[in-house]
PDB file of N, CA and C in Angstrom:
ATOM      1  N   MET A   1      79.649-116.140  68.144  1.00  0.00           N
ATOM      2  CA  MET A   1      79.045-117.358  68.626  1.00  0.00           C
ATOM      3  C   MET A   1      79.768-118.549  68.018  1.00  0.00           C
ATOM      4  N   SER A   2      79.820-119.603  68.768  1.00  0.00           N
ATOM      5  CA  SER A   2      80.449-120.815  68.264  1.00  0.00           C
ATOM      6  C   SER A   2      79.535-121.563  67.304  1.00  0.00           C
ATOM      7  N   ASP A   3      78.232-121.280  67.341  1.00  0.00           N
ATOM      8  CA  ASP A   3      77.268-121.945  66.471  1.00  0.00           C
ATOM      9  C   ASP A   3      76.180-120.938  66.097  1.00  0.00           C
ATOM     10  N   ILE A   4      76.073-120.603  64.828  1.00  0.00           N
ATOM     11  CA  ILE A   4      75.144-119.560  64.395  1.00  0.00           C
ATOM     12  C   ILE A   4      73.680-119.937  64.658  1.00  0.00           C
ATOM     13  N   GLU A   5      73.338-121.200  64.563  1.00  0.00           N
ATOM     14  CA  GLU A   5      71.947-121.593  64.834  1.00  0.00           C
ATOM     15  C   GLU A   5      71.601-121.399  66.307  1.00  0.00           C
ATOM     16  N   ARG A   6      72.536-121.692  67.180  1.00  0.00           N
ATOM     17  CA  ARG A   6      72.320-121.454  68.607  1.00  0.00           C
ATOM     18  C   ARG A   6      72.241-119.948  68.871  1.00  0.00           C
ATOM     19  N   ALA A   7      73.041-119.180  68.140  1.00  0.00           N
ATOM     20  CA  ALA A   7      72.996-117.723  68.261  1.00  0.00           C
ATOM     21  C   ALA A   7      71.625-117.198  67.848  1.00  0.00           C
ATOM     22  N   VAL A   8      71.116-117.673  66.721  1.00  0.00           N
ATOM     23  CA  VAL A   8      69.807-117.241  66.237  1.00  0.00           C
ATOM     24  C   VAL A   8      68.734-117.573  67.279  1.00  0.00           C
ATOM     25  N   ALA A   9      68.794-118.759  67.860  1.00  0.00           N
ATOM     26  CA  ALA A   9      67.816-119.153  68.875  1.00  0.00           C
ATOM     27  C   ALA A   9      67.858-118.204  70.068  1.00  0.00           C
ATOM     28  N   PHE A  10      69.047-117.760  70.457  1.00  0.00           N
ATOM     29  CA  PHE A  10      69.187-116.864  71.601  1.00  0.00           C
ATOM     30  C   PHE A  10      68.806-115.424  71.247  1.00  0.00           C
ATOM     31  N   TYR A  11      69.448-114.871  70.237  1.00  0.00           N
ATOM     32  CA  TYR A  11      69.250-113.453  69.916  1.00  0.00           C
ATOM     33  C   TYR A  11      67.848-113.162  69.382  1.00  0.00           C
ATOM     34  N   GLU A  12      67.299-114.076  68.620  1.00  0.00           N
ATOM     35  CA  GLU A  12      65.956-113.869  68.085  1.00  0.00           C
ATOM     36  C   GLU A  12      64.892-114.435  69.027  1.00  0.00           C
ATOM     37  N   GLY A  13      65.125-115.653  69.525  1.00  0.00           N
ATOM     38  CA  GLY A  13      64.140-116.312  70.372  1.00  0.00           C
ATOM     39  C   GLY A  13      64.046-115.731  71.765  1.00  0.00           C
ATOM     40  N   LYS A  14      65.177-115.534  72.437  1.00  0.00           N
ATOM     41  CA  LYS A  14      65.145-115.057  73.823  1.00  0.00           C
ATOM     42  C   LYS A  14      65.209-113.542  73.928  1.00  0.00           C
ATOM     43  N   LEU A  15      66.047-112.890  73.103  1.00  0.00           N
ATOM     44  CA  LEU A  15      66.156-111.435  73.188  1.00  0.00           C
ATOM     45  C   LEU A  15      65.106-110.725  72.342  1.00  0.00           C
ATOM     46  N   GLY A  16      64.529-111.435  71.370  1.00  0.00           N
ATOM     47  CA  GLY A  16      63.491-110.832  70.533  1.00  0.00           C
ATOM     48  C   GLY A  16      64.017-109.887  69.471  1.00  0.00           C
ATOM     49  N   LEU A  17      65.315-109.966  69.157  1.00  0.00           N
ATOM     50  CA  LEU A  17      65.874-109.108  68.111  1.00  0.00           C
ATOM     51  C   LEU A  17      65.468-109.627  66.744  1.00  0.00           C
ATOM     52  N   GLN A  18      65.382-108.728  65.782  1.00  0.00           N
ATOM     53  CA  GLN A  18      65.034-109.115  64.414  1.00  0.00           C
ATOM     54  C   GLN A  18      66.235-108.883  63.507  1.00  0.00           C
ATOM     55  N   ALA A  19      66.599-109.917  62.763  1.00  0.00           N
ATOM     56  CA  ALA A  19      67.718-109.793  61.830  1.00  0.00           C
ATOM     57  C   ALA A  19      67.298-108.911  60.662  1.00  0.00           C
ATOM     58  N   VAL A  20      68.131-107.931  60.346  1.00  0.00           N
ATOM     59  CA  VAL A  20      67.871-107.087  59.184  1.00  0.00           C
ATOM     60  C   VAL A  20      68.663-107.574  57.978  1.00  0.00           C
ATOM     61  N   ARG A  21      69.653-108.432  58.256  1.00  0.00           N
ATOM     62  CA  ARG A  21      70.469-108.964  57.173  1.00  0.00           C
ATOM     63  C   ARG A  21      71.215-110.205  57.663  1.00  0.00           C
ATOM     64  N   SER A  22      71.443-111.147  56.772  1.00  0.00           N
ATOM     65  CA  SER A  22      72.294-112.293  57.081  1.00  0.00           C
ATOM     66  C   SER A  22      73.312-112.412  55.964  1.00  0.00           C
ATOM     67  N   GLY A  23      74.396-113.097  56.268  1.00  0.00           N
ATOM     68  CA  GLY A  23      75.439-113.228  55.261  1.00  0.00           C
ATOM     69  C   GLY A  23      76.506-114.200  55.690  1.00  0.00           C
ATOM     70  N   PRO A  24      77.597-114.242  54.942  1.00  0.00           N
ATOM     71  CA  PRO A  24      78.672-115.185  55.242  1.00  0.00           C
ATOM     72  C   PRO A  24      79.545-114.732  56.408  1.00  0.00           C
ATOM     73  N   SER A  25      80.198-115.698  57.023  1.00  0.00           N
ATOM     74  CA  SER A  25      81.205-115.450  58.045  1.00  0.00           C
ATOM     75  C   SER A  25      82.326-116.432  57.800  1.00  0.00           C
ATOM     76  N   ALA A  26      83.472-115.916  57.391  1.00  0.00           N
ATOM     77  CA  ALA A  26      84.614-116.762  57.012  1.00  0.00           C
ATOM     78  C   ALA A  26      84.162-117.761  55.956  1.00  0.00           C
ATOM     79  N   ASP A  27      84.219-119.049  56.238  1.00  0.00           N
ATOM     80  CA  ASP A  27      83.842-120.065  55.240  1.00  0.00           C
ATOM     81  C   ASP A  27      82.429-120.614  55.464  1.00  0.00           C
ATOM     82  N   ILE A  28      81.625-119.923  56.273  1.00  0.00           N
ATOM     83  CA  ILE A  28      80.261-120.356  56.563  1.00  0.00           C
ATOM     84  C   ILE A  28      79.307-119.456  55.768  1.00  0.00           C
ATOM     85  N   PRO A  29      78.660-120.005  54.742  1.00  0.00           N
ATOM     86  CA  PRO A  29      77.836-119.187  53.848  1.00  0.00           C
ATOM     87  C   PRO A  29      76.774-118.342  54.542  1.00  0.00           C
ATOM     88  N   ASP A  30      76.119-118.851  55.576  1.00  0.00           N
ATOM     89  CA  ASP A  30      75.050-118.117  56.250  1.00  0.00           C
ATOM     90  C   ASP A  30      75.406-117.966  57.727  1.00  0.00           C
ATOM     91  N   GLY A  31      76.659-117.606  58.018  1.00  0.00           N
ATOM     92  CA  GLY A  31      77.172-117.623  59.381  1.00  0.00           C
ATOM     93  C   GLY A  31      77.086-116.332  60.154  1.00  0.00           C
ATOM     94  N   SER A  32      76.403-115.313  59.634  1.00  0.00           N
ATOM     95  CA  SER A  32      76.296-114.071  60.398  1.00  0.00           C
ATOM     96  C   SER A  32      74.900-113.479  60.300  1.00  0.00           C
ATOM     97  N   ARG A  33      74.559-112.668  61.295  1.00  0.00           N
ATOM     98  CA  ARG A  33      73.300-111.939  61.317  1.00  0.00           C
ATOM     99  C   ARG A  33      73.594-110.526  61.798  1.00  0.00           C
ATOM    100  N   ILE A  34      72.924-109.571  61.202  1.00  0.00           N
ATOM    101  CA  ILE A  34      72.973-108.200  61.694  1.00  0.00           C
ATOM    102  C   ILE A  34      71.581-107.886  62.218  1.00  0.00           C
ATOM    103  N   TYR A  35      71.546-107.493  63.492  1.00  0.00           N
ATOM    104  CA  TYR A  35      70.284-107.207  64.157  1.00  0.00           C
ATOM    105  C   TYR A  35      70.079-105.712  64.287  1.00  0.00           C
ATOM    106  N   GLY A  36      68.837-105.303  64.135  1.00  0.00           N
ATOM    107  CA  GLY A  36      68.488-103.906  64.273  1.00  0.00           C
ATOM    108  C   GLY A  36      68.278-103.526  65.718  1.00  0.00           C
ATOM    109  N   CYS A  37      68.542-102.274  66.004  1.00  0.00           N
ATOM    110  CA  CYS A  37      68.333-101.747  67.341  1.00  0.00           C
ATOM    111  C   CYS A  37      68.084-100.255  67.198  1.00  0.00           C
ATOM    112  N   GLY A  38      66.951 -99.791  67.665  1.00  0.00           N
ATOM    113  CA  GLY A  38      66.633 -98.384  67.538  1.00  0.00           C
ATOM    114  C   GLY A  38      66.390 -97.965  66.101  1.00  0.00           C
ATOM    115  N   GLY A  39      65.930 -98.902  65.268  1.00  0.00           N
ATOM    116  CA  GLY A  39      65.609 -98.576  63.885  1.00  0.00           C
ATOM    117  C   GLY A  39      66.784 -98.624  62.922  1.00  0.00           C
ATOM    118  N   ARG A  40      67.960 -99.024  63.411  1.00  0.00           N
ATOM    119  CA  ARG A  40      69.152 -99.084  62.565  1.00  0.00           C
ATOM    120  C   ARG A  40      69.867-100.412  62.786  1.00  0.00           C
ATOM    121  N   PRO A  41      70.649-100.868  61.789  1.00  0.00           N
ATOM    122  CA  PRO A  41      71.496-102.043  62.028  1.00  0.00           C
ATOM    123  C   PRO A  41      72.480-101.724  63.150  1.00  0.00           C
ATOM    124  N   ALA A  42      72.580-102.606  64.126  1.00  0.00           N
ATOM    125  CA  ALA A  42      73.374-102.261  65.294  1.00  0.00           C
ATOM    126  C   ALA A  42      74.291-103.364  65.812  1.00  0.00           C
ATOM    127  N   LEU A  43      73.910-104.613  65.690  1.00  0.00           N
ATOM    128  CA  LEU A  43      74.673-105.687  66.313  1.00  0.00           C
ATOM    129  C   LEU A  43      74.967-106.764  65.282  1.00  0.00           C
ATOM    130  N   ASN A  44      76.241-107.026  65.058  1.00  0.00           N
ATOM    131  CA  ASN A  44      76.660-108.059  64.118  1.00  0.00           C
ATOM    132  C   ASN A  44      77.059-109.294  64.924  1.00  0.00           C
ATOM    133  N   VAL A  45      76.344-110.389  64.724  1.00  0.00           N
ATOM    134  CA  VAL A  45      76.625-111.654  65.403  1.00  0.00           C
ATOM    135  C   VAL A  45      77.083-112.636  64.347  1.00  0.00           C
ATOM    136  N   TYR A  46      78.228-113.262  64.574  1.00  0.00           N
ATOM    137  CA  TYR A  46      78.762-114.184  63.574  1.00  0.00           C
ATOM    138  C   TYR A  46      79.428-115.374  64.247  1.00  0.00           C
ATOM    139  N   GLN A  47      79.461-116.472  63.508  1.00  0.00           N
ATOM    140  CA  GLN A  47      80.079-117.689  64.018  1.00  0.00           C
ATOM    141  C   GLN A  47      81.584-117.520  64.007  1.00  0.00           C
ATOM    142  N   SER A  48      82.219-117.872  65.126  1.00  0.00           N
ATOM    143  CA  SER A  48      83.659-117.694  65.271  1.00  0.00           C
ATOM    144  C   SER A  48      84.211-118.704  66.274  1.00  0.00           C
ATOM    145  N   VAL A  49      85.436-119.154  66.040  1.00  0.00           N
ATOM    146  CA  VAL A  49      86.075-120.083  66.978  1.00  0.00           C
ATOM    147  C   VAL A  49      86.522-119.373  68.255  1.00  0.00           C
ATOM    148  N   THR A  50      86.556-118.057  68.267  1.00  0.00           N
ATOM    149  CA  THR A  50      86.972-117.321  69.465  1.00  0.00           C
ATOM    150  C   THR A  50      85.788-116.805  70.279  1.00  0.00           C
ATOM    151  N   ALA A  51      84.594-117.271  69.994  1.00  0.00           N
ATOM    152  CA  ALA A  51      83.395-116.820  70.707  1.00  0.00           C
ATOM    153  C   ALA A  51      83.527-117.056  72.206  1.00  0.00           C
ATOM    154  N   GLY A  52      83.110-116.068  72.977  1.00  0.00           N
ATOM    155  CA  GLY A  52      83.094-116.194  74.431  1.00  0.00           C
ATOM    156  C   GLY A  52      84.437-116.033  75.098  1.00  0.00           C
ATOM    157  N   LYS A  53      85.442-115.586  74.404  1.00  0.00           N
ATOM    158  CA  LYS A  53      86.791-115.476  74.972  1.00  0.00           C
ATOM    159  C   LYS A  53      87.077-114.146  75.654  1.00  0.00           C
ATOM    160  N   SER A  54      86.281-113.111  75.399  1.00  0.00           N
ATOM    161  CA  SER A  54      86.518-111.798  75.994  1.00  0.00           C
ATOM    162  C   SER A  54      85.828-111.682  77.345  1.00  0.00           C
ATOM    163  N   PRO A  55      86.560-111.236  78.375  1.00  0.00           N
ATOM    164  CA  PRO A  55      85.920-111.024  79.677  1.00  0.00           C
ATOM    165  C   PRO A  55      85.182-109.694  79.761  1.00  0.00           C
ATOM    166  N   ALA A  56      85.325-108.853  78.755  1.00  0.00           N
ATOM    167  CA  ALA A  56      84.709-107.522  78.765  1.00  0.00           C
ATOM    168  C   ALA A  56      83.246-107.580  78.335  1.00  0.00           C
ATOM    169  N   THR A  57      82.492-106.552  78.696  1.00  0.00           N
ATOM    170  CA  THR A  57      81.129-106.388  78.202  1.00  0.00           C
ATOM    171  C   THR A  57      81.230-106.008  76.735  1.00  0.00           C
ATOM    172  N   LEU A  58      80.604-106.781  75.851  1.00  0.00           N
ATOM    173  CA  LEU A  58      80.740-106.565  74.414  1.00  0.00           C
ATOM    174  C   LEU A  58      79.813-105.500  73.867  1.00  0.00           C
ATOM    175  N   ALA A  59      78.643-105.337  74.459  1.00  0.00           N
ATOM    176  CA  ALA A  59      77.690-104.318  73.999  1.00  0.00           C
ATOM    177  C   ALA A  59      76.778-103.946  75.153  1.00  0.00           C
ATOM    178  N   THR A  60      76.307-102.714  75.126  1.00  0.00           N
ATOM    179  CA  THR A  60      75.389-102.213  76.142  1.00  0.00           C
ATOM    180  C   THR A  60      74.189-101.584  75.459  1.00  0.00           C
ATOM    181  N   TRP A  61      73.012-101.933  75.939  1.00  0.00           N
ATOM    182  CA  TRP A  61      71.789-101.294  75.462  1.00  0.00           C
ATOM    183  C   TRP A  61      71.342-100.302  76.527  1.00  0.00           C
ATOM    184  N   TYR A  62      71.098 -99.064  76.119  1.00  0.00           N
ATOM    185  CA  TYR A  62      70.576 -98.043  77.019  1.00  0.00           C
ATOM    186  C   TYR A  62      69.054 -98.048  76.895  1.00  0.00           C
ATOM    187  N   VAL A  63      68.395 -98.243  78.016  1.00  0.00           N
ATOM    188  CA  VAL A  63      66.945 -98.428  78.011  1.00  0.00           C
ATOM    189  C   VAL A  63      66.280 -97.437  78.970  1.00  0.00           C
ATOM    190  N   ASP A  64      65.000 -97.181  78.726  1.00  0.00           N
ATOM    191  CA  ASP A  64      64.247 -96.274  79.589  1.00  0.00           C
ATOM    192  C   ASP A  64      63.750 -96.974  80.850  1.00  0.00           C
ATOM    193  N   ASP A  65      63.302 -98.224  80.723  1.00  0.00           N
ATOM    194  CA  ASP A  65      62.717 -98.951  81.856  1.00  0.00           C
ATOM    195  C   ASP A  65      63.476-100.265  82.049  1.00  0.00           C
ATOM    196  N   ILE A  66      64.564-100.197  82.786  1.00  0.00           N
ATOM    197  CA  ILE A  66      65.419-101.376  82.974  1.00  0.00           C
ATOM    198  C   ILE A  66      64.683-102.484  83.719  1.00  0.00           C
ATOM    199  N   ASP A  67      63.807-102.130  84.653  1.00  0.00           N
ATOM    200  CA  ASP A  67      63.049-103.149  85.389  1.00  0.00           C
ATOM    201  C   ASP A  67      62.196-103.983  84.430  1.00  0.00           C
ATOM    202  N   GLN A  68      61.493-103.312  83.533  1.00  0.00           N
ATOM    203  CA  GLN A  68      60.635-104.010  82.572  1.00  0.00           C
ATOM    204  C   GLN A  68      61.451-104.890  81.632  1.00  0.00           C
ATOM    205  N   ILE A  69      62.552-104.372  81.125  1.00  0.00           N
ATOM    206  CA  ILE A  69      63.378-105.140  80.182  1.00  0.00           C
ATOM    207  C   ILE A  69      63.976-106.358  80.876  1.00  0.00           C
ATOM    208  N   VAL A  70      64.485-106.184  82.089  1.00  0.00           N
ATOM    209  CA  VAL A  70      65.031-107.327  82.829  1.00  0.00           C
ATOM    210  C   VAL A  70      63.937-108.360  83.068  1.00  0.00           C
ATOM    211  N   ASP A  71      62.747-107.934  83.465  1.00  0.00           N
ATOM    212  CA  ASP A  71      61.639-108.875  83.677  1.00  0.00           C
ATOM    213  C   ASP A  71      61.311-109.638  82.390  1.00  0.00           C
ATOM    214  N   GLU A  72      61.292-108.939  81.260  1.00  0.00           N
ATOM    215  CA  GLU A  72      61.002-109.586  79.978  1.00  0.00           C
ATOM    216  C   GLU A  72      62.090-110.602  79.617  1.00  0.00           C
ATOM    217  N   LEU A  73      63.348-110.230  79.818  1.00  0.00           N
ATOM    218  CA  LEU A  73      64.438-111.158  79.508  1.00  0.00           C
ATOM    219  C   LEU A  73      64.379-112.396  80.399  1.00  0.00           C
ATOM    220  N   VAL A  74      64.180-112.190  81.679  1.00  0.00           N
ATOM    221  CA  VAL A  74      64.106-113.317  82.613  1.00  0.00           C
ATOM    222  C   VAL A  74      62.942-114.232  82.246  1.00  0.00           C
ATOM    223  N   SER A  75      61.801-113.660  81.865  1.00  0.00           N
ATOM    224  CA  SER A  75      60.660-114.497  81.483  1.00  0.00           C
ATOM    225  C   SER A  75      60.923-115.249  80.181  1.00  0.00           C
ATOM    226  N   SER A  76      61.889-114.787  79.390  1.00  0.00           N
ATOM    227  CA  SER A  76      62.282-115.490  78.158  1.00  0.00           C
ATOM    228  C   SER A  76      63.376-116.519  78.405  1.00  0.00           C
ATOM    229  N   GLY A  77      63.836-116.621  79.651  1.00  0.00           N
ATOM    230  CA  GLY A  77      64.849-117.610  79.982  1.00  0.00           C
ATOM    231  C   GLY A  77      66.272-117.082  80.040  1.00  0.00           C
ATOM    232  N   VAL A  78      66.436-115.755  80.001  1.00  0.00           N
ATOM    233  CA  VAL A  78      67.769-115.158  80.098  1.00  0.00           C
ATOM    234  C   VAL A  78      68.106-114.982  81.576  1.00  0.00           C
ATOM    235  N   GLU A  79      69.312-115.384  81.964  1.00  0.00           N
ATOM    236  CA  GLU A  79      69.752-115.265  83.347  1.00  0.00           C
ATOM    237  C   GLU A  79      70.529-113.968  83.534  1.00  0.00           C
ATOM    238  N   ILE A  80      70.158-113.185  84.535  1.00  0.00           N
ATOM    239  CA  ILE A  80      70.870-111.955  84.868  1.00  0.00           C
ATOM    240  C   ILE A  80      72.059-112.332  85.754  1.00  0.00           C
ATOM    241  N   ILE A  81      73.225-111.799  85.425  1.00  0.00           N
ATOM    242  CA  ILE A  81      74.455-112.114  86.156  1.00  0.00           C
ATOM    243  C   ILE A  81      74.526-111.277  87.428  1.00  0.00           C
ATOM    244  N   ARG A  82      74.924-111.930  88.501  1.00  0.00           N
ATOM    245  CA  ARG A  82      75.157-111.246  89.772  1.00  0.00           C
ATOM    246  C   ARG A  82      76.628-111.420  90.128  1.00  0.00           C
ATOM    247  N   TYR A  83      77.318-110.300  90.230  1.00  0.00           N
ATOM    248  CA  TYR A  83      78.732-110.315  90.585  1.00  0.00           C
ATOM    249  C   TYR A  83      78.872-110.204  92.101  1.00  0.00           C
ATOM    250  N   ASP A  84      79.708-111.071  92.684  1.00  0.00           N
ATOM    251  CA  ASP A  84      79.862-111.131  94.138  1.00  0.00           C
ATOM    252  C   ASP A  84      80.261-109.796  94.756  1.00  0.00           C
ATOM    253  N   GLN A  85      81.075-109.020  94.066  1.00  0.00           N
ATOM    254  CA  GLN A  85      81.596-107.779  94.632  1.00  0.00           C
ATOM    255  C   GLN A  85      80.608-106.613  94.555  1.00  0.00           C
ATOM    256  N   LEU A  86      79.440-106.824  93.940  1.00  0.00           N
ATOM    257  CA  LEU A  86      78.445-105.765  93.796  1.00  0.00           C
ATOM    258  C   LEU A  86      77.166-106.109  94.554  1.00  0.00           C
ATOM    259  N   GLU A  87      76.441-105.089  94.954  1.00  0.00           N
ATOM    260  CA  GLU A  87      75.157-105.270  95.610  1.00  0.00           C
ATOM    261  C   GLU A  87      74.056-105.147  94.558  1.00  0.00           C
ATOM    262  N   HIS A  88      73.193-106.142  94.467  1.00  0.00           N
ATOM    263  CA  HIS A  88      72.129-106.197  93.465  1.00  0.00           C
ATOM    264  C   HIS A  88      70.761-106.148  94.132  1.00  0.00           C
ATOM    265  N   ASP A  89      69.773-105.619  93.396  1.00  0.00           N
ATOM    266  CA  ASP A  89      68.409-105.681  93.907  1.00  0.00           C
ATOM    267  C   ASP A  89      67.823-107.056  93.572  1.00  0.00           C
ATOM    268  N   ALA A  90      66.551-107.249  93.858  1.00  0.00           N
ATOM    269  CA  ALA A  90      65.914-108.552  93.653  1.00  0.00           C
ATOM    270  C   ALA A  90      65.954-109.011  92.199  1.00  0.00           C
ATOM    271  N   ARG A  91      66.006-108.076  91.250  1.00  0.00           N
ATOM    272  CA  ARG A  91      66.046-108.424  89.826  1.00  0.00           C
ATOM    273  C   ARG A  91      67.465-108.713  89.329  1.00  0.00           C
ATOM    274  N   GLY A  92      68.470-108.350  90.124  1.00  0.00           N
ATOM    275  CA  GLY A  92      69.847-108.500  89.682  1.00  0.00           C
ATOM    276  C   GLY A  92      70.416-107.204  89.128  1.00  0.00           C
ATOM    277  N   ILE A  93      69.721-106.107  89.322  1.00  0.00           N
ATOM    278  CA  ILE A  93      70.162-104.796  88.848  1.00  0.00           C
ATOM    279  C   ILE A  93      70.989-104.140  89.957  1.00  0.00           C
ATOM    280  N   THR A  94      72.048-103.442  89.563  1.00  0.00           N
ATOM    281  CA  THR A  94      72.910-102.784  90.533  1.00  0.00           C
ATOM    282  C   THR A  94      73.084-101.306  90.171  1.00  0.00           C
ATOM    283  N   ALA A  95      73.544-100.531  91.138  1.00  0.00           N
ATOM    284  CA  ALA A  95      73.821 -99.116  90.881  1.00  0.00           C
ATOM    285  C   ALA A  95      75.003 -98.998  89.932  1.00  0.00           C
ATOM    286  N   ARG A  96      74.910 -98.050  89.010  1.00  0.00           N
ATOM    287  CA  ARG A  96      75.974 -97.811  88.032  1.00  0.00           C
ATOM    288  C   ARG A  96      76.875 -96.701  88.550  1.00  0.00           C
ATOM    289  N   ALA A  97      78.160 -96.840  88.321  1.00  0.00           N
ATOM    290  CA  ALA A  97      79.101 -95.788  88.687  1.00  0.00           C
ATOM    291  C   ALA A  97      78.671 -94.494  88.006  1.00  0.00           C
ATOM    292  N   GLY A  98      78.612 -93.407  88.762  1.00  0.00           N
ATOM    293  CA  GLY A  98      78.200 -92.129  88.192  1.00  0.00           C
ATOM    294  C   GLY A  98      76.698 -91.924  88.181  1.00  0.00           C
ATOM    295  N   GLY A  99      75.934 -92.882  88.699  1.00  0.00           N
ATOM    296  CA  GLY A  99      74.475 -92.766  88.741  1.00  0.00           C
ATOM    297  C   GLY A  99      73.803 -93.680  87.744  1.00  0.00           C
ATOM    298  N   GLY A 100      72.566 -93.962  87.980  1.00  0.00           N
ATOM    299  CA  GLY A 100      71.817 -94.871  87.120  1.00  0.00           C
ATOM    300  C   GLY A 100      71.923 -96.305  87.599  1.00  0.00           C
ATOM    301  N   ARG A 101      71.460 -97.218  86.756  1.00  0.00           N
ATOM    302  CA  ARG A 101      71.418 -98.643  87.119  1.00  0.00           C
ATOM    303  C   ARG A 101      71.883 -99.488  85.945  1.00  0.00           C
ATOM    304  N   ILE A 102      72.387-100.686  86.254  1.00  0.00           N
ATOM    305  CA  ILE A 102      72.931-101.571  85.232  1.00  0.00           C
ATOM    306  C   ILE A 102      72.657-103.032  85.589  1.00  0.00           C
ATOM    307  N   ALA A 103      72.474-103.844  84.555  1.00  0.00           N
ATOM    308  CA  ALA A 103      72.325-105.298  84.720  1.00  0.00           C
ATOM    309  C   ALA A 103      73.082-105.971  83.579  1.00  0.00           C
ATOM    310  N   TRP A 104      73.644-107.133  83.853  1.00  0.00           N
ATOM    311  CA  TRP A 104      74.402-107.875  82.849  1.00  0.00           C
ATOM    312  C   TRP A 104      73.765-109.229  82.584  1.00  0.00           C
ATOM    313  N   PHE A 105      73.977-109.730  81.378  1.00  0.00           N
ATOM    314  CA  PHE A 105      73.577-111.086  81.020  1.00  0.00           C
ATOM    315  C   PHE A 105      74.556-111.603  79.985  1.00  0.00           C
ATOM    316  N   GLN A 106      74.522-112.918  79.750  1.00  0.00           N
ATOM    317  CA  GLN A 106      75.429-113.538  78.787  1.00  0.00           C
ATOM    318  C   GLN A 106      74.655-114.356  77.769  1.00  0.00           C
ATOM    319  N   ASP A 107      75.248-114.472  76.578  1.00  0.00           N
ATOM    320  CA  ASP A 107      74.678-115.366  75.572  1.00  0.00           C
ATOM    321  C   ASP A 107      75.188-116.779  75.854  1.00  0.00           C
ATOM    322  N   PRO A 108      74.767-117.781  75.101  1.00  0.00           N
ATOM    323  CA  PRO A 108      75.163-119.160  75.399  1.00  0.00           C
ATOM    324  C   PRO A 108      76.676-119.425  75.363  1.00  0.00           C
ATOM    325  N   ASP A 109      77.449-118.591  74.674  1.00  0.00           N
ATOM    326  CA  ASP A 109      78.904-118.763  74.654  1.00  0.00           C
ATOM    327  C   ASP A 109      79.614-118.019  75.776  1.00  0.00           C
ATOM    328  N   GLY A 110      78.880-117.260  76.566  1.00  0.00           N
ATOM    329  CA  GLY A 110      79.486-116.511  77.659  1.00  0.00           C
ATOM    330  C   GLY A 110      79.891-115.097  77.283  1.00  0.00           C
ATOM    331  N   ASN A 111      79.461-114.603  76.119  1.00  0.00           N
ATOM    332  CA  ASN A 111      79.690-113.205  75.766  1.00  0.00           C
ATOM    333  C   ASN A 111      78.788-112.352  76.652  1.00  0.00           C
ATOM    334  N   THR A 112      79.346-111.321  77.275  1.00  0.00           N
ATOM    335  CA  THR A 112      78.630-110.514  78.246  1.00  0.00           C
ATOM    336  C   THR A 112      78.060-109.246  77.608  1.00  0.00           C
ATOM    337  N   PHE A 113      76.806-108.941  77.965  1.00  0.00           N
ATOM    338  CA  PHE A 113      76.103-107.755  77.507  1.00  0.00           C
ATOM    339  C   PHE A 113      75.510-107.043  78.712  1.00  0.00           C
ATOM    340  N   ALA A 114      75.219-105.751  78.554  1.00  0.00           N
ATOM    341  CA  ALA A 114      74.654-104.972  79.651  1.00  0.00           C
ATOM    342  C   ALA A 114      73.436-104.201  79.202  1.00  0.00           C
ATOM    343  N   LEU A 115      72.593-103.916  80.187  1.00  0.00           N
ATOM    344  CA  LEU A 115      71.482-102.989  80.043  1.00  0.00           C
ATOM    345  C   LEU A 115      71.744-101.862  81.019  1.00  0.00           C
ATOM    346  N   GLU A 116      71.589-100.628  80.578  1.00  0.00           N
ATOM    347  CA  GLU A 116      71.799 -99.487  81.478  1.00  0.00           C
ATOM    348  C   GLU A 116      70.635 -98.520  81.362  1.00  0.00           C
ATOM    349  N   ALA A 117      70.340 -97.874  82.488  1.00  0.00           N
ATOM    350  CA  ALA A 117      69.293 -96.848  82.536  1.00  0.00           C
ATOM    351  C   ALA A 117      69.776 -95.724  83.430  1.00  0.00           C
ATOM    352  N   ASP A 118      69.372 -94.534  83.113  1.00  0.00           N
ATOM    353  CA  ASP A 118      69.785 -93.371  83.908  1.00  0.00           C
ATOM    354  C   ASP A 118      69.007 -93.243  85.201  1.00  0.00           C
ATOM    355  N   VAL A 119      67.910 -93.974  85.330  1.00  0.00           N
ATOM    356  CA  VAL A 119      67.083 -93.916  86.537  1.00  0.00           C
ATOM    357  C   VAL A 119      67.041 -95.274  87.191  1.00  0.00           C
TER     358      VAL A 119
END
């Protein structure tokens, strides 16, 4: 993220993740957060000048009920990405290659994340 406070507002406020640890990032004393996922530390978010530069999906969460999770994210103000070349349902979820379903969203810097479900 380009700004750790904006990151905290998004990852904690909109995604509902809980930081299990915070620490330094380069020369920023409190510039990183590690968020838990599935009972373990899983996602390291830190302030960086290169935030949002990767066009790739940076992380994927595998979920049991993608419809519910997408609804919760949208109600928190997260926008689901719709790619022109793909067919999406009303929620913005699309069929995943090989079966299942997938939806994408971005953080405020444009880093892309996905939710996937086997059903």
